[in-house]
Amino acid sequence: MIAQAELINLEGIRETFISRTMKEQEMISGGGPKSLKIPKFEIDLEEDPYTRWSEPTIYFKEQIIKLHETIISFVPWSIRSIFWMVTKYMEVFSPKTTGLGELNHQLFREFEGVSDITGIPLADVLTANFVYELFAHCTSIVAIDKTDSIVHARNLDYPIYESMRNDTFDIDFVKNGELVFKGVGTGGSTNSYTIMKPGAFAVSINARYHNDLPGLANSLSRWFMESYNPGSLLIYVGEHANTFEEAKDMLMNMPITSICYFTLSGVEIDEGVVITRDRTGAKDLWPINPDSQSDWAIYQTNYDHWENAPERDNKRAATVKEGLVKIGRDKMTVSKILKRILQKPPVLQYDTIFAVTMSAKKNLFKIHAYI
């Protein structure tokens, strides 16, 4: 059995990194960060999962090796050994699965492709893709702009940012040579935490921290019980959902490996919701309300919105709310959300990897990579 102290140690590592980044806020320039140029890749959803991510994996090979070394260094051997056993099991039984299990088999095949290209042991690739979710902290916003259109923006922050430099890429997910949806990728991961399907919906994922200390072990056990990793669920939703309501139903009800927040926007003025997720289903829905003086904009950081803000939030949620009020609905644009909220401390963190501004209605998807 995994020692509770070791599980708590993972939580402590995350809190240590978050505390450190708080202390370094004064190092962020008041003028806002400059966006970096990033590569774009096509991911063919009909291609063999083993080779599906080959191009970005080859392109980012050295960065992936460095990132995985950093992540794995934080994982106790007792947990790594479990992933090694799981890997051996999956190698034998994964090809025989059907239904939702078959989809996780595809994900496992993607991990095999990353492992063979980089030389990273398959078990460590599997471990790192689960550990990603323990460290991320983010901000997501959906608002009604001055033209009564739904706009969506997000920051993704990652405390081990030094190992993620120049590791972000733009994705076109395609089928039959046609664009299905767009996303953001990170070298070595076969998930996406931000997507936009033109004319349909956009989604961003935020990590949910809720005294879930044995999260890594629970995530792995849920995966065995045919649950989705949230980042792979997002790819599934992007491929199979065609409307806001279809995406909402999937994001509310499909089983997931770890608790999180899905912030979903659509194309109509009332299509926006923050979905607070437990592993088995939705715990809470916070919908946008075009008739409200306050809920014409909704936002999410990394704590349940009905709770008091914890110290680790570093006043991010309060700053988002204040910024939205200052801009106002009648002057709101997605550009103002970026420049006046997401690119200003404390919402802008020292470890903010990228921001995304998007709108399914306007077919807007722009990545602003900083690290």
Protein backbone atom coordinates (compact mmCIF):
# COMPACT_ATOMS: atom_id res chain seq x y z
CA MET A 1 0.00 0.00 0.00
CA ILE A 2 1.26 3.51 -0.81
CA ALA A 3 2.45 5.36 2.26
CA GLN A 4 0.19 8.30 3.09
CA ALA A 5 3.26 10.42 3.86
CA GLU A 6 4.51 9.96 0.32
CA LEU A 7 1.16 11.01 -1.11
CA ILE A 8 1.14 14.07 1.13
CA ASN A 9 4.67 14.81 -0.04
CA LEU A 10 3.37 15.22 -3.58
CA GLU A 11 0.81 17.68 -2.27
CA GLY A 12 3.53 19.49 -0.38
CA ILE A 13 5.67 19.79 -3.48
CA ARG A 14 2.78 21.43 -5.30
CA GLU A 15 2.13 23.87 -2.46
CA THR A 16 5.85 24.69 -2.22
CA PHE A 17 6.00 25.59 -5.89
CA ILE A 18 2.85 27.69 -5.68
CA SER A 19 4.19 29.55 -2.63
CA ARG A 20 7.47 30.20 -4.41
CA THR A 21 5.77 31.66 -7.46
CA MET A 22 3.73 33.97 -5.24
CA LYS A 23 6.92 35.45 -3.81
CA GLU A 24 8.30 36.10 -7.27
CA GLN A 25 5.41 38.21 -8.54
CA GLU A 26 7.45 41.41 -8.42
CA MET A 27 9.68 39.93 -11.12
CA ILE A 28 6.88 40.18 -13.68
CA SER A 29 7.07 43.31 -15.82
CA GLY A 30 4.15 45.67 -15.41
CA GLY A 31 3.91 45.98 -19.20
CA GLY A 32 2.79 42.40 -19.66
CA PRO A 33 4.64 39.47 -21.19
CA LYS A 34 5.66 39.15 -24.82
CA SER A 35 4.18 36.29 -26.83
CA LEU A 36 6.55 33.74 -28.34
CA LYS A 37 6.24 32.19 -31.76
CA ILE A 38 5.18 28.55 -31.49
CA PRO A 39 4.93 25.74 -34.05
CA LYS A 40 1.68 24.25 -35.34
CA PHE A 41 1.01 20.56 -35.95
CA GLU A 42 -1.86 18.55 -37.39
CA ILE A 43 -3.06 15.63 -35.30
CA ASP A 44 -4.99 13.19 -37.50
CA LEU A 45 -7.72 11.55 -35.42
CA GLU A 46 -7.89 8.66 -37.90
CA GLU A 47 -4.19 7.88 -37.74
CA ASP A 48 -2.82 4.95 -35.74
CA PRO A 49 -2.55 6.22 -32.13
CA TYR A 50 1.02 4.93 -31.99
CA THR A 51 2.17 7.44 -34.64
CA ARG A 52 -0.49 10.12 -34.12
CA TRP A 53 1.77 12.39 -32.04
CA SER A 54 5.07 11.54 -33.75
CA GLU A 55 5.74 14.94 -35.35
CA PRO A 56 5.50 17.08 -32.19
CA THR A 57 7.28 14.37 -30.18
CA ILE A 58 10.25 14.37 -32.56
CA TYR A 59 10.25 18.18 -32.69
CA PHE A 60 10.25 18.56 -28.88
CA LYS A 61 12.28 15.44 -28.06
CA GLU A 62 14.98 17.14 -25.97
CA GLN A 63 12.48 19.30 -24.07
CA ILE A 64 10.30 16.24 -23.39
CA ILE A 65 13.22 14.31 -21.91
CA LYS A 66 14.09 17.23 -19.61
CA LEU A 67 10.46 17.74 -18.56
CA HIS A 68 9.93 14.06 -17.76
CA GLU A 69 13.13 13.92 -15.72
CA THR A 70 11.85 16.84 -13.64
CA ILE A 71 8.38 15.39 -13.11
CA ILE A 72 9.59 11.90 -12.29
CA SER A 73 12.09 13.26 -9.76
CA PHE A 74 9.12 14.29 -7.57
CA VAL A 75 7.39 10.90 -7.63
CA PRO A 76 8.23 8.44 -4.83
CA TRP A 77 9.47 5.06 -5.99
CA SER A 78 6.53 3.31 -4.31
CA ILE A 79 4.20 5.13 -6.69
CA ARG A 80 6.44 4.71 -9.71
CA SER A 81 6.57 0.97 -9.08
CA ILE A 82 2.78 0.81 -9.29
CA PHE A 83 2.89 2.52 -12.67
CA TRP A 84 5.48 0.00 -13.79
CA MET A 85 3.14 -2.85 -12.83
CA VAL A 86 0.24 -1.13 -14.56
CA THR A 87 2.32 -0.74 -17.70
CA LYS A 88 3.09 -4.46 -17.79
CA TYR A 89 -0.59 -5.23 -17.30
CA MET A 90 -1.65 -2.83 -20.06
CA GLU A 91 0.87 -4.29 -22.50
CA VAL A 92 -0.85 -7.67 -22.15
CA PHE A 93 -4.53 -6.85 -21.65
CA SER A 94 -5.08 -3.38 -23.16
CA PRO A 95 -5.39 -4.62 -26.78
CA LYS A 96 -8.29 -6.87 -25.71
CA THR A 97 -10.48 -4.09 -24.28
CA THR A 98 -13.66 -2.71 -25.85
CA GLY A 99 -15.91 0.31 -25.38
CA LEU A 100 -14.48 3.06 -23.18
CA GLY A 101 -11.62 0.74 -22.30
CA GLU A 102 -10.69 0.62 -25.98
CA LEU A 103 -10.35 4.40 -25.96
CA ASN A 104 -7.93 4.17 -23.04
CA HIS A 105 -6.08 1.53 -25.04
CA GLN A 106 -5.66 4.15 -27.78
CA LEU A 107 -4.24 6.54 -25.18
CA PHE A 108 -1.84 3.83 -24.03
CA ARG A 109 -0.73 3.34 -27.63
CA GLU A 110 -0.05 7.07 -27.85
CA PHE A 111 2.15 6.77 -24.76
CA GLU A 112 4.00 3.88 -26.42
CA GLY A 113 4.73 6.10 -29.42
CA VAL A 114 6.12 8.87 -27.21
CA SER A 115 8.23 6.35 -25.29
CA ASP A 116 9.75 4.78 -28.39
CA ILE A 117 10.68 8.14 -29.93
CA THR A 118 12.16 9.70 -26.78
CA GLY A 119 13.64 6.61 -25.15
CA ILE A 120 11.79 7.43 -21.92
CA PRO A 121 10.54 4.24 -20.22
CA LEU A 122 6.87 3.66 -21.01
CA ALA A 123 5.95 3.52 -17.32
CA ASP A 124 7.49 6.97 -16.79
CA VAL A 125 5.57 8.40 -19.76
CA LEU A 126 2.39 7.04 -18.18
CA THR A 127 3.34 8.42 -14.77
CA ALA A 128 4.17 11.88 -16.08
CA ASN A 129 0.89 12.19 -17.98
CA PHE A 130 -1.01 11.52 -14.74
CA VAL A 131 1.22 13.77 -12.61
CA TYR A 132 0.62 16.73 -14.98
CA GLU A 133 -2.76 17.19 -13.32
CA LEU A 134 -1.32 17.51 -9.80
CA PHE A 135 0.71 20.65 -10.48
CA ALA A 136 -1.29 22.81 -12.90
CA HIS A 137 -3.11 25.89 -11.64
CA CYS A 138 -5.11 28.05 -14.01
CA THR A 139 -7.65 30.80 -14.65
CA SER A 140 -10.62 30.51 -17.04
CA ILE A 141 -13.14 33.23 -17.98
CA VAL A 142 -16.30 33.21 -20.11
CA ALA A 143 -18.05 36.52 -20.71
CA ILE A 144 -20.60 38.26 -22.90
CA ASP A 145 -18.83 40.98 -24.87
CA LYS A 146 -20.08 44.36 -26.07
CA THR A 147 -21.54 42.77 -29.24
CA ASP A 148 -23.48 40.19 -27.18
CA SER A 149 -21.13 37.43 -28.30
CA ILE A 150 -19.69 34.77 -26.00
CA VAL A 151 -15.91 35.03 -25.54
CA HIS A 152 -13.61 32.70 -23.61
CA ALA A 153 -10.07 33.15 -22.29
CA ARG A 154 -7.68 31.26 -20.04
CA ASN A 155 -4.25 31.22 -18.44
CA LEU A 156 -2.42 27.95 -17.82
CA ASP A 157 0.21 28.10 -15.08
CA TYR A 158 2.67 25.35 -14.27
CA PRO A 159 5.13 25.57 -11.36
CA ILE A 160 7.87 23.54 -13.07
CA TYR A 161 7.94 26.16 -15.81
CA GLU A 162 11.73 26.04 -16.18
CA SER A 163 11.38 22.53 -17.62
CA MET A 164 8.58 23.61 -19.97
CA ARG A 165 10.33 26.36 -21.88
CA ASN A 166 9.57 26.38 -25.63
CA ASP A 167 7.37 23.32 -25.15
CA THR A 168 3.97 24.66 -26.30
CA PHE A 169 2.42 24.11 -29.71
CA ASP A 170 -0.73 24.88 -31.69
CA ILE A 171 -2.84 21.90 -32.81
CA ASP A 172 -5.29 21.39 -35.64
CA PHE A 173 -7.16 18.14 -34.98
CA VAL A 174 -8.25 16.84 -38.38
CA LYS A 175 -10.30 14.06 -39.99
CA ASN A 176 -10.33 13.28 -43.69
CA GLY A 177 -8.08 16.29 -44.17
CA GLU A 178 -10.69 18.63 -42.65
CA LEU A 179 -10.35 20.64 -39.45
CA VAL A 180 -12.50 19.25 -36.63
CA PHE A 181 -11.31 21.40 -33.73
CA LYS A 182 -8.28 23.31 -32.45
CA GLY A 183 -6.24 22.84 -29.30
CA VAL A 184 -3.06 23.59 -27.37
CA GLY A 185 -0.39 20.93 -26.87
CA THR A 186 2.63 20.43 -24.64
CA GLY A 187 5.55 18.29 -25.76
CA GLY A 188 5.33 14.77 -24.34
CA SER A 189 1.65 14.96 -23.44
CA THR A 190 -1.02 13.45 -25.68
CA ASN A 191 -3.77 15.45 -23.98
CA SER A 192 -5.11 18.95 -24.49
CA TYR A 193 -6.48 21.17 -21.75
CA THR A 194 -7.88 23.85 -24.06
CA ILE A 195 -9.91 23.29 -27.25
CA MET A 196 -12.22 25.20 -29.58
CA LYS A 197 -14.61 23.69 -32.15
CA PRO A 198 -15.56 26.42 -34.65
CA GLY A 199 -19.26 27.23 -34.65
CA ALA A 200 -19.91 24.93 -31.69
CA PHE A 201 -18.06 25.35 -28.37
CA ALA A 202 -14.80 25.93 -26.52
CA VAL A 203 -13.55 24.28 -23.31
CA SER A 204 -10.74 24.87 -20.83
CA ILE A 205 -9.76 22.64 -17.89
CA ASN A 206 -8.68 23.87 -14.46
CA ALA A 207 -7.24 21.62 -11.77
CA ARG A 208 -9.44 21.23 -8.69
CA TYR A 209 -7.67 21.00 -5.32
CA HIS A 210 -10.04 19.74 -2.67
CA ASN A 211 -8.15 17.84 0.03
CA ASP A 212 -7.64 15.06 -2.48
CA LEU A 213 -4.29 13.86 -1.19
CA PRO A 214 -4.29 10.34 -2.67
CA GLY A 215 -5.21 11.80 -6.04
CA LEU A 216 -2.56 10.03 -8.09
CA ALA A 217 -3.49 6.56 -6.84
CA ASN A 218 -7.20 7.31 -7.25
CA SER A 219 -6.62 8.57 -10.78
CA LEU A 220 -4.83 5.39 -11.74
CA SER A 221 -7.52 3.17 -10.21
CA ARG A 222 -10.24 5.12 -12.02
CA TRP A 223 -8.36 4.67 -15.28
CA PHE A 224 -8.51 0.93 -14.67
CA MET A 225 -12.26 1.27 -14.19
CA GLU A 226 -12.54 2.81 -17.66
CA SER A 227 -12.61 6.50 -16.75
CA TYR A 228 -11.14 9.27 -18.86
CA ASN A 229 -8.12 11.37 -18.10
CA PRO A 230 -9.70 14.90 -18.29
CA GLY A 231 -7.27 16.00 -21.01
CA SER A 232 -8.08 12.98 -23.18
CA LEU A 233 -11.80 13.46 -22.51
CA LEU A 234 -11.46 16.94 -23.96
CA ILE A 235 -10.11 15.46 -27.19
CA TYR A 236 -12.96 12.94 -27.25
CA VAL A 237 -15.52 15.72 -26.75
CA GLY A 238 -13.90 17.83 -29.46
CA GLU A 239 -14.18 14.93 -31.88
CA HIS A 240 -17.66 13.64 -31.03
CA ALA A 241 -19.76 16.55 -29.69
CA ASN A 242 -21.22 18.92 -32.27
CA THR A 243 -23.11 21.39 -30.09
CA PHE A 244 -22.76 23.17 -26.75
CA GLU A 245 -25.43 20.94 -25.20
CA GLU A 246 -23.78 17.73 -26.42
CA ALA A 247 -20.44 18.87 -25.03
CA LYS A 248 -22.07 19.91 -21.74
CA ASP A 249 -23.71 16.50 -21.32
CA MET A 250 -20.42 14.67 -21.91
CA LEU A 251 -18.42 16.94 -19.61
CA MET A 252 -21.03 16.63 -16.86
CA ASN A 253 -21.50 12.88 -16.94
CA MET A 254 -18.59 10.94 -18.42
CA PRO A 255 -16.40 9.34 -15.71
CA ILE A 256 -13.00 10.96 -15.19
CA THR A 257 -9.82 9.99 -13.40
CA SER A 258 -9.33 13.19 -11.39
CA ILE A 259 -11.55 15.98 -10.12
CA CYS A 260 -11.38 19.22 -12.11
CA TYR A 261 -13.31 22.16 -13.50
CA PHE A 262 -14.55 22.32 -17.09
CA THR A 263 -15.27 25.86 -18.29
CA LEU A 264 -17.47 25.57 -21.39
CA SER A 265 -18.64 28.25 -23.82
CA GLY A 266 -20.85 28.04 -26.90
CA VAL A 267 -22.13 30.35 -29.62
CA GLU A 268 -25.38 31.67 -28.13
CA ILE A 269 -25.57 34.45 -25.56
CA ASP A 270 -26.66 32.05 -22.79
CA GLU A 271 -24.16 29.29 -23.61
CA GLY A 272 -21.55 29.37 -20.89
CA VAL A 273 -21.04 27.28 -17.76
CA VAL A 274 -18.43 26.29 -15.19
CA ILE A 275 -18.82 22.58 -14.42
CA THR A 276 -17.34 21.52 -11.08
CA ARG A 277 -16.54 17.83 -11.45
CA ASP A 278 -16.21 14.92 -9.10
CA ARG A 279 -14.91 11.71 -10.62
CA THR A 280 -18.37 10.26 -11.24
CA GLY A 281 -20.31 13.34 -12.32
CA ALA A 282 -20.99 17.04 -11.95
CA LYS A 283 -21.03 18.45 -8.41
CA ASP A 284 -22.09 21.96 -9.40
CA LEU A 285 -23.01 24.07 -12.44
CA TRP A 286 -22.43 27.83 -12.59
CA PRO A 287 -24.17 29.06 -15.77
CA ILE A 288 -23.74 32.39 -17.47
CA ASN A 289 -26.83 34.60 -17.24
CA PRO A 290 -27.29 37.38 -19.82
CA ASP A 291 -30.00 38.97 -17.64
CA SER A 292 -27.82 39.19 -14.53
CA GLN A 293 -25.83 42.20 -13.35
CA SER A 294 -23.06 39.89 -12.15
CA ASP A 295 -23.27 36.50 -13.89
CA TRP A 296 -22.93 37.89 -17.43
CA ALA A 297 -19.35 36.74 -16.85
CA ILE A 298 -18.23 33.59 -15.05
CA TYR A 299 -14.72 32.57 -14.06
CA GLN A 300 -12.80 29.76 -12.40
CA THR A 301 -9.41 29.39 -10.75
CA ASN A 302 -8.62 26.33 -8.60
CA TYR A 303 -11.12 26.29 -5.76
CA ASP A 304 -14.89 25.76 -5.59
CA HIS A 305 -16.47 29.11 -6.40
CA TRP A 306 -18.98 28.91 -3.53
CA GLU A 307 -16.19 28.53 -0.96
CA ASN A 308 -14.01 31.25 0.57
CA ALA A 309 -10.83 31.79 -1.41
CA PRO A 310 -7.86 29.88 0.05
CA GLU A 311 -4.54 31.64 0.58
CA ARG A 312 -2.93 29.72 -2.30
CA ASP A 313 -5.35 31.39 -4.76
CA ASN A 314 -3.24 34.54 -4.23
CA LYS A 315 -6.33 36.74 -4.85
CA ARG A 316 -6.55 35.59 -8.47
CA ALA A 317 -10.33 35.06 -8.44
CA ALA A 318 -10.93 38.36 -6.65
CA THR A 319 -8.71 40.16 -9.17
CA VAL A 320 -10.60 38.57 -12.09
CA LYS A 321 -13.92 39.70 -10.64
CA GLU A 322 -12.62 43.22 -10.06
CA GLY A 323 -11.23 43.40 -13.60
CA LEU A 324 -14.50 42.27 -15.18
CA VAL A 325 -16.44 44.89 -13.22
CA LYS A 326 -13.99 47.64 -14.22
CA ILE A 327 -14.22 46.79 -17.92
CA GLY A 328 -18.00 46.29 -17.86
CA ARG A 329 -20.19 44.34 -20.24
CA ASP A 330 -20.84 47.30 -22.54
CA LYS A 331 -17.10 47.68 -23.21
CA MET A 332 -16.04 44.05 -22.93
CA THR A 333 -13.80 42.47 -25.57
CA VAL A 334 -11.69 39.33 -25.41
CA SER A 335 -8.62 41.50 -26.00
CA LYS A 336 -9.41 43.48 -22.85
CA ILE A 337 -9.78 40.26 -20.87
CA LEU A 338 -6.29 39.29 -22.02
CA LYS A 339 -4.54 42.62 -21.51
CA ARG A 340 -6.33 43.94 -18.44
CA ILE A 341 -6.92 40.72 -16.52
CA LEU A 342 -4.95 37.67 -17.70
CA GLN A 343 -1.73 39.61 -18.32
CA LYS A 344 -1.78 41.43 -14.99
CA PRO A 345 -0.48 40.05 -11.67
CA PRO A 346 -1.62 38.21 -9.65
CA VAL A 347 -3.70 36.53 -12.38
CA LEU A 348 -0.54 36.49 -14.45
CA GLN A 349 1.76 34.20 -12.50
CA TYR A 350 5.53 33.96 -12.72
CA ASP A 351 4.91 30.45 -14.08
CA THR A 352 2.14 31.23 -16.58
CA ILE A 353 3.01 29.09 -19.60
CA PHE A 354 0.44 30.50 -22.00
CA ALA A 355 -2.88 32.28 -22.37
CA VAL A 356 -5.57 31.53 -24.94
CA THR A 357 -8.25 33.85 -26.29
CA MET A 358 -11.04 32.11 -28.15
CA SER A 359 -14.62 32.27 -29.37
CA ALA A 360 -16.45 29.44 -31.11
CA LYS A 361 -18.90 31.94 -32.58
CA LYS A 362 -16.16 34.15 -34.03
CA ASN A 363 -13.89 31.22 -34.98
CA LEU A 364 -11.17 32.80 -32.84
CA PHE A 365 -8.38 30.73 -31.31
CA LYS A 366 -5.17 32.51 -30.44
CA ILE A 367 -2.38 31.16 -28.23
CA HIS A 368 -0.17 33.63 -26.37
CA ALA A 369 2.85 31.56 -25.26
CA TYR A 370 5.16 33.16 -22.70
CA ILE A 371 7.60 30.40 -21.71
